Amino acid sequence: MKRFKTQQAYFALIMLVVSVLLITGCGGSDEVALLKAEHDPVAPGTCTEAVGPFVISSNLIDGDNPVPINTLITATFSEAMNPTTIEVTNSGNPQVLTFTLKAHNQVDNVHGTVTMNDPLNTIATFKPDAALDINTQYTATITKYAKSASNNSELSCIYRWSFTTGT
């Protein structure tokens, strides 16, 4: 009888540990998943969901080649945006990664800054801290965490487009 109660106690303890692991694993934020999602992103100007702000265009078209290594990447929004929600200041915190640039097959994002065209705040410009590598494919991404100036709505879509630098 004592052995049966001990087995019940171990079983209950194991179930508790598994439950805690499942709950904490499923309760995390989805920002990293959004950044890595490949099926959701669209190129600027192609979002069919017109609810909230959207990216009308970019100075670079998806697939552009060759692009100068000292290029700036711009995105034009359909309405004024909150500049504090369009930043690349902390790569360890996905909640603030709204406009990023990454070289193909690289782990880290390209370091740089994003500025908005005051006072309209409809054009975001990503300026890399250094010249881009030659003959390299890059991918720019703007996530749904970019918000309108009124902070009432996020972007309708995640935007992702790629280009390749020249020699």
Protein backbone atom coordinates (compact mmCIF):
# COMPACT_ATOMS: atom_id res chain seq x y z
CA MET A 1 0.00 0.00 0.00
CA LYS A 2 2.86 2.38 0.86
CA ARG A 3 4.54 1.64 -2.48
CA PHE A 4 1.32 2.49 -4.35
CA LYS A 5 1.05 5.90 -2.57
CA THR A 6 4.70 6.66 -3.33
CA GLN A 7 4.10 5.91 -7.02
CA GLN A 8 1.03 8.16 -6.99
CA ALA A 9 3.07 10.97 -5.43
CA TYR A 10 5.84 10.62 -8.05
CA PHE A 11 3.27 10.53 -10.83
CA ALA A 12 1.56 13.67 -9.48
CA LEU A 13 4.94 15.45 -9.19
CA ILE A 14 5.91 14.52 -12.75
CA MET A 15 2.54 15.70 -14.07
CA LEU A 16 2.96 19.00 -12.22
CA VAL A 17 6.42 19.58 -13.70
CA VAL A 18 5.24 18.71 -17.22
CA SER A 19 2.22 21.01 -16.84
CA VAL A 20 4.38 23.92 -15.69
CA LEU A 21 6.78 23.39 -18.61
CA LEU A 22 3.94 23.29 -21.11
CA ILE A 23 2.23 26.37 -19.70
CA THR A 24 5.39 28.48 -19.56
CA GLY A 25 6.52 27.29 -22.99
CA CYS A 26 3.20 28.19 -24.58
CA GLY A 27 2.78 31.47 -22.73
CA GLY A 28 5.79 33.18 -24.28
CA SER A 29 5.55 36.04 -26.70
CA ASP A 30 5.29 35.44 -30.42
CA GLU A 31 7.61 38.22 -31.60
CA VAL A 32 10.44 35.89 -32.54
CA ALA A 33 8.03 33.66 -34.44
CA LEU A 34 6.72 36.69 -36.32
CA LEU A 35 10.21 37.77 -37.27
CA LYS A 36 11.06 34.29 -38.56
CA ALA A 37 7.73 33.57 -40.26
CA GLU A 38 8.29 33.03 -43.96
CA HIS A 39 4.70 32.55 -45.16
CA ASP A 40 3.18 35.78 -43.84
CA PRO A 41 5.46 38.59 -45.12
CA VAL A 42 4.69 40.48 -48.30
CA ALA A 43 6.67 42.94 -50.39
CA PRO A 44 5.92 46.67 -49.96
CA GLY A 45 2.87 47.74 -51.92
CA THR A 46 1.37 44.23 -52.08
CA CYS A 47 -0.54 43.86 -48.82
CA THR A 48 -4.14 43.01 -49.55
CA GLU A 49 -5.29 43.59 -45.97
CA ALA A 50 -6.11 47.30 -45.94
CA VAL A 51 -6.98 47.50 -42.23
CA GLY A 52 -4.71 49.99 -40.48
CA PRO A 53 -1.51 51.47 -41.87
CA PHE A 54 0.47 49.68 -44.56
CA VAL A 55 3.73 50.08 -46.49
CA ILE A 56 3.00 51.65 -49.86
CA SER A 57 6.48 51.29 -51.32
CA SER A 58 10.22 51.07 -50.77
CA ASN A 59 13.11 52.63 -52.65
CA LEU A 60 14.28 49.07 -53.37
CA ILE A 61 12.08 46.56 -55.15
CA ASP A 62 12.12 42.92 -54.07
CA GLY A 63 14.90 41.24 -56.06
CA ASP A 64 16.82 44.41 -56.97
CA ASN A 65 20.36 43.64 -58.16
CA PRO A 66 22.91 45.24 -58.10
CA VAL A 67 22.33 47.72 -55.28
CA PRO A 68 25.10 50.13 -54.17
CA ILE A 69 26.81 49.08 -50.92
CA ASN A 70 26.22 52.53 -49.40
CA THR A 71 22.47 52.54 -50.05
CA LEU A 72 19.83 53.68 -47.58
CA ILE A 73 16.65 51.61 -47.35
CA THR A 74 13.37 53.51 -47.18
CA ALA A 75 9.77 52.47 -46.64
CA THR A 76 6.81 54.76 -47.30
CA PHE A 77 3.74 54.26 -45.11
CA SER A 78 0.11 54.98 -45.96
CA GLU A 79 -0.27 57.23 -42.91
CA ALA A 80 1.77 58.97 -40.24
CA MET A 81 3.58 56.51 -37.99
CA ASN A 82 4.81 56.65 -34.39
CA PRO A 83 8.61 56.94 -34.76
CA THR A 84 9.22 55.31 -31.38
CA THR A 85 7.69 52.07 -32.68
CA ILE A 86 10.00 51.89 -35.70
CA GLU A 87 13.44 51.17 -34.33
CA VAL A 88 16.32 48.70 -34.32
CA THR A 89 17.91 49.65 -31.02
CA ASN A 90 18.01 46.37 -29.13
CA SER A 91 18.56 43.14 -31.05
CA GLY A 92 18.06 41.13 -27.84
CA ASN A 93 14.52 42.41 -27.46
CA PRO A 94 12.28 41.43 -30.41
CA GLN A 95 9.54 43.81 -29.28
CA VAL A 96 11.55 46.75 -30.65
CA LEU A 97 12.75 45.09 -33.84
CA THR A 98 10.38 46.66 -36.30
CA PHE A 99 12.71 47.63 -39.17
CA THR A 100 15.63 45.27 -39.67
CA LEU A 101 18.19 44.37 -42.29
CA LYS A 102 19.96 41.02 -42.35
CA ALA A 103 22.56 39.54 -44.69
CA HIS A 104 21.65 36.15 -46.14
CA ASN A 105 22.91 33.28 -43.93
CA GLN A 106 23.91 35.66 -41.11
CA VAL A 107 22.65 35.35 -37.55
CA ASP A 108 22.86 39.00 -36.52
CA ASN A 109 21.04 41.95 -38.03
CA VAL A 110 22.95 44.74 -39.72
CA HIS A 111 23.59 47.51 -37.21
CA GLY A 112 22.07 50.83 -38.15
CA THR A 113 19.54 53.50 -37.30
CA VAL A 114 16.03 54.31 -38.45
CA THR A 115 14.84 57.88 -38.85
CA MET A 116 11.47 59.25 -39.85
CA ASN A 117 10.79 62.23 -42.14
CA ASP A 118 9.54 64.78 -39.61
CA PRO A 119 6.89 66.22 -39.36
CA LEU A 120 4.96 63.83 -41.63
CA ASN A 121 6.42 60.57 -40.26
CA THR A 122 5.38 58.65 -43.35
CA ILE A 123 8.86 57.63 -44.59
CA ALA A 124 11.22 55.48 -42.50
CA THR A 125 14.87 55.37 -43.56
CA PHE A 126 17.24 52.62 -42.41
CA LYS A 127 20.87 53.75 -42.50
CA PRO A 128 23.46 51.00 -41.91
CA ASP A 129 26.33 51.96 -39.60
CA ALA A 130 28.84 50.78 -42.23
CA ALA A 131 28.83 50.00 -45.93
CA LEU A 132 27.11 46.75 -46.85
CA ASP A 133 29.17 43.77 -48.02
CA ILE A 134 29.66 43.41 -51.77
CA ASN A 135 27.85 40.70 -53.74
CA THR A 136 25.64 39.86 -50.77
CA GLN A 137 21.92 39.24 -50.55
CA TYR A 138 20.12 41.24 -47.84
CA THR A 139 16.59 41.05 -46.51
CA ALA A 140 14.75 44.04 -45.05
CA THR A 141 11.82 43.39 -42.72
CA ILE A 142 9.21 45.64 -41.14
CA THR A 143 7.07 43.88 -38.54
CA LYS A 144 3.54 44.54 -37.35
CA TYR A 145 4.89 46.26 -34.22
CA ALA A 146 5.25 49.51 -36.15
CA LYS A 147 2.23 51.58 -35.10
CA SER A 148 0.37 54.54 -36.49
CA ALA A 149 0.96 58.01 -35.02
CA SER A 150 -2.27 57.71 -33.07
CA ASN A 151 -1.01 54.37 -31.63
CA ASN A 152 -4.39 52.91 -32.48
CA SER A 153 -3.31 50.33 -35.01
CA GLU A 154 -0.38 48.19 -36.06
CA LEU A 155 0.66 47.51 -39.63
CA SER A 156 -1.69 45.30 -41.59
CA CYS A 157 1.09 42.98 -42.77
CA ILE A 158 4.67 42.01 -42.10
CA TYR A 159 6.78 43.33 -44.97
CA ARG A 160 9.89 41.58 -46.23
CA TRP A 161 11.88 42.22 -49.36
CA SER A 162 15.34 41.23 -50.55
CA PHE A 163 18.05 42.76 -52.68
CA THR A 164 21.64 41.97 -53.64
CA THR A 165 24.55 44.38 -53.50
CA GLY A 166 26.92 44.88 -56.41
CA THR A 167 30.69 44.88 -56.57
